[in-house]
C-alpha atoms as a PDB file:
ATOM      1  CA  MET A   1      -0.218  -0.059  -0.099  1.00  0.00           C
ATOM      2  CA  HIS A   2       1.167   3.508  -1.100  1.00  0.00           C
ATOM      3  CA  ILE A   3       0.561   6.418   1.291  1.00  0.00           C
ATOM      4  CA  VAL A   4       0.893   9.800   0.155  1.00  0.00           C
ATOM      5  CA  SER A   5       0.414  12.696   2.777  1.00  0.00           C
ATOM      6  CA  LEU A   6      -0.321  16.567   2.139  1.00  0.00           C
ATOM      7  CA  VAL A   7      -0.521  18.740   4.616  1.00  0.00           C
ATOM      8  CA  MET A   8      -2.049  22.200   4.463  1.00  0.00           C
ATOM      9  CA  GLN A   9      -1.587  24.631   7.388  1.00  0.00           C
ATOM     10  CA  ASP A  10      -2.890  28.030   7.206  1.00  0.00           C
ATOM     11  CA  ASN A  11      -5.282  27.500  10.620  1.00  0.00           C
ATOM     12  CA  PRO A  12      -4.397  26.314  13.857  1.00  0.00           C
ATOM     13  CA  THR A  13      -7.343  23.889  13.342  1.00  0.00           C
ATOM     14  CA  LEU A  14      -6.201  20.721  11.744  1.00  0.00           C
ATOM     15  CA  ILE A  15      -8.570  18.221  10.174  1.00  0.00           C
ATOM     16  CA  SER A  16      -7.595  14.938   8.676  1.00  0.00           C
ATOM     17  CA  ILE A  17      -9.102  13.626   5.768  1.00  0.00           C
ATOM     18  CA  ILE A  18      -8.343   9.927   4.625  1.00  0.00           C
ATOM     19  CA  MET A  19      -8.875   9.026   1.108  1.00  0.00           C
ATOM     20  CA  PRO A  20      -8.516   5.198   0.334  1.00  0.00           C
ATOM     21  CA  LEU A  21      -7.959   4.765  -3.534  1.00  0.00           C
ATOM     22  CA  PHE A  22      -8.151   1.549  -5.811  1.00  0.00           C
ATOM     23  CA  ASN A  23      -8.131   2.381  -9.532  1.00  0.00           C
ATOM     24  CA  ALA A  24      -9.242   5.762  -9.094  1.00  0.00           C
ATOM     25  CA  GLU A  25      -7.264   7.701 -12.069  1.00  0.00           C
ATOM     26  CA  LYS A  26     -10.632   8.529 -13.845  1.00  0.00           C
ATOM     27  CA  TYR A  27     -11.845  10.382 -10.441  1.00  0.00           C
ATOM     28  CA  LEU A  28      -8.783  11.314  -8.419  1.00  0.00           C
ATOM     29  CA  PRO A  29      -7.857  14.887 -10.214  1.00  0.00           C
ATOM     30  CA  THR A  30     -11.270  15.980 -10.001  1.00  0.00           C
ATOM     31  CA  ALA A  31     -11.513  14.999  -6.145  1.00  0.00           C
ATOM     32  CA  LEU A  32      -8.249  16.551  -5.650  1.00  0.00           C
ATOM     33  CA  GLU A  33      -9.294  19.853  -7.241  1.00  0.00           C
ATOM     34  CA  THR A  34     -12.695  19.936  -5.407  1.00  0.00           C
ATOM     35  CA  LEU A  35     -10.580  19.712  -2.263  1.00  0.00           C
ATOM     36  CA  GLN A  36      -8.100  22.290  -2.949  1.00  0.00           C
ATOM     37  CA  GLN A  37     -10.783  25.050  -3.896  1.00  0.00           C
ATOM     38  CA  GLN A  38     -12.488  24.620  -0.585  1.00  0.00           C
ATOM     39  CA  GLN A  39     -12.433  27.806   1.762  1.00  0.00           C
ATOM     40  CA  PHE A  40     -11.027  25.900   4.919  1.00  0.00           C
ATOM     41  CA  ALA A  41      -7.382  25.321   3.999  1.00  0.00           C
ATOM     42  CA  SER A  42      -5.920  23.743   7.182  1.00  0.00           C
ATOM     43  CA  TYR A  43      -5.963  19.935   6.634  1.00  0.00           C
ATOM     44  CA  GLU A  44      -3.528  16.984   6.073  1.00  0.00           C
ATOM     45  CA  LEU A  45      -4.855  14.606   3.329  1.00  0.00           C
ATOM     46  CA  LEU A  46      -3.807  11.115   3.401  1.00  0.00           C
ATOM     47  CA  LEU A  47      -4.069   9.088   0.067  1.00  0.00           C
ATOM     48  CA  LEU A  48      -4.352   5.540   0.768  1.00  0.00           C
ATOM     49  CA  ASP A  49      -3.562   3.367  -2.604  1.00  0.00           C
ATOM     50  CA  ALA A  50      -4.158  -0.281  -2.325  1.00  0.00           C
ATOM     51  CA  LEU A  51      -2.075  -1.443  -5.155  1.00  0.00           C
ATOM     52  CA  SER A  52      -3.992   0.296  -7.972  1.00  0.00           C
ATOM     53  CA  THR A  53      -3.125  -1.102 -11.495  1.00  0.00           C
ATOM     54  CA  ASP A  54      -4.031   1.793 -13.312  1.00  0.00           C
ATOM     55  CA  GLY A  55      -2.238   5.300 -13.046  1.00  0.00           C
ATOM     56  CA  THR A  56      -3.665   6.239  -9.657  1.00  0.00           C
ATOM     57  CA  ALA A  57      -0.320   6.637  -7.726  1.00  0.00           C
ATOM     58  CA  ALA A  58       1.289   8.535 -10.626  1.00  0.00           C
ATOM     59  CA  ILE A  59      -1.578  10.856 -10.710  1.00  0.00           C
ATOM     60  CA  ALA A  60      -1.339  11.521  -7.053  1.00  0.00           C
ATOM     61  CA  ALA A  61       2.485  11.909  -7.075  1.00  0.00           C
ATOM     62  CA  THR A  62       2.071  14.697  -9.710  1.00  0.00           C
ATOM     63  CA  MET A  63      -0.959  16.565  -7.949  1.00  0.00           C
ATOM     64  CA  ILE A  64       0.902  17.076  -4.654  1.00  0.00           C
END
């Protein structure tokens, strides 16, 4: 399992978002772009890739 962590800290209140992934190549870019558009920016994002066989891990690596 690959784990990618992204931490955005503009606010002292930190929330954790856990996103399990499996062959999410088609949906991951939209999901990450939507998350980046949120007004609340103090979060850590944990992407958990369950050995996807598509380009999920590569997309995650290029978008963080």
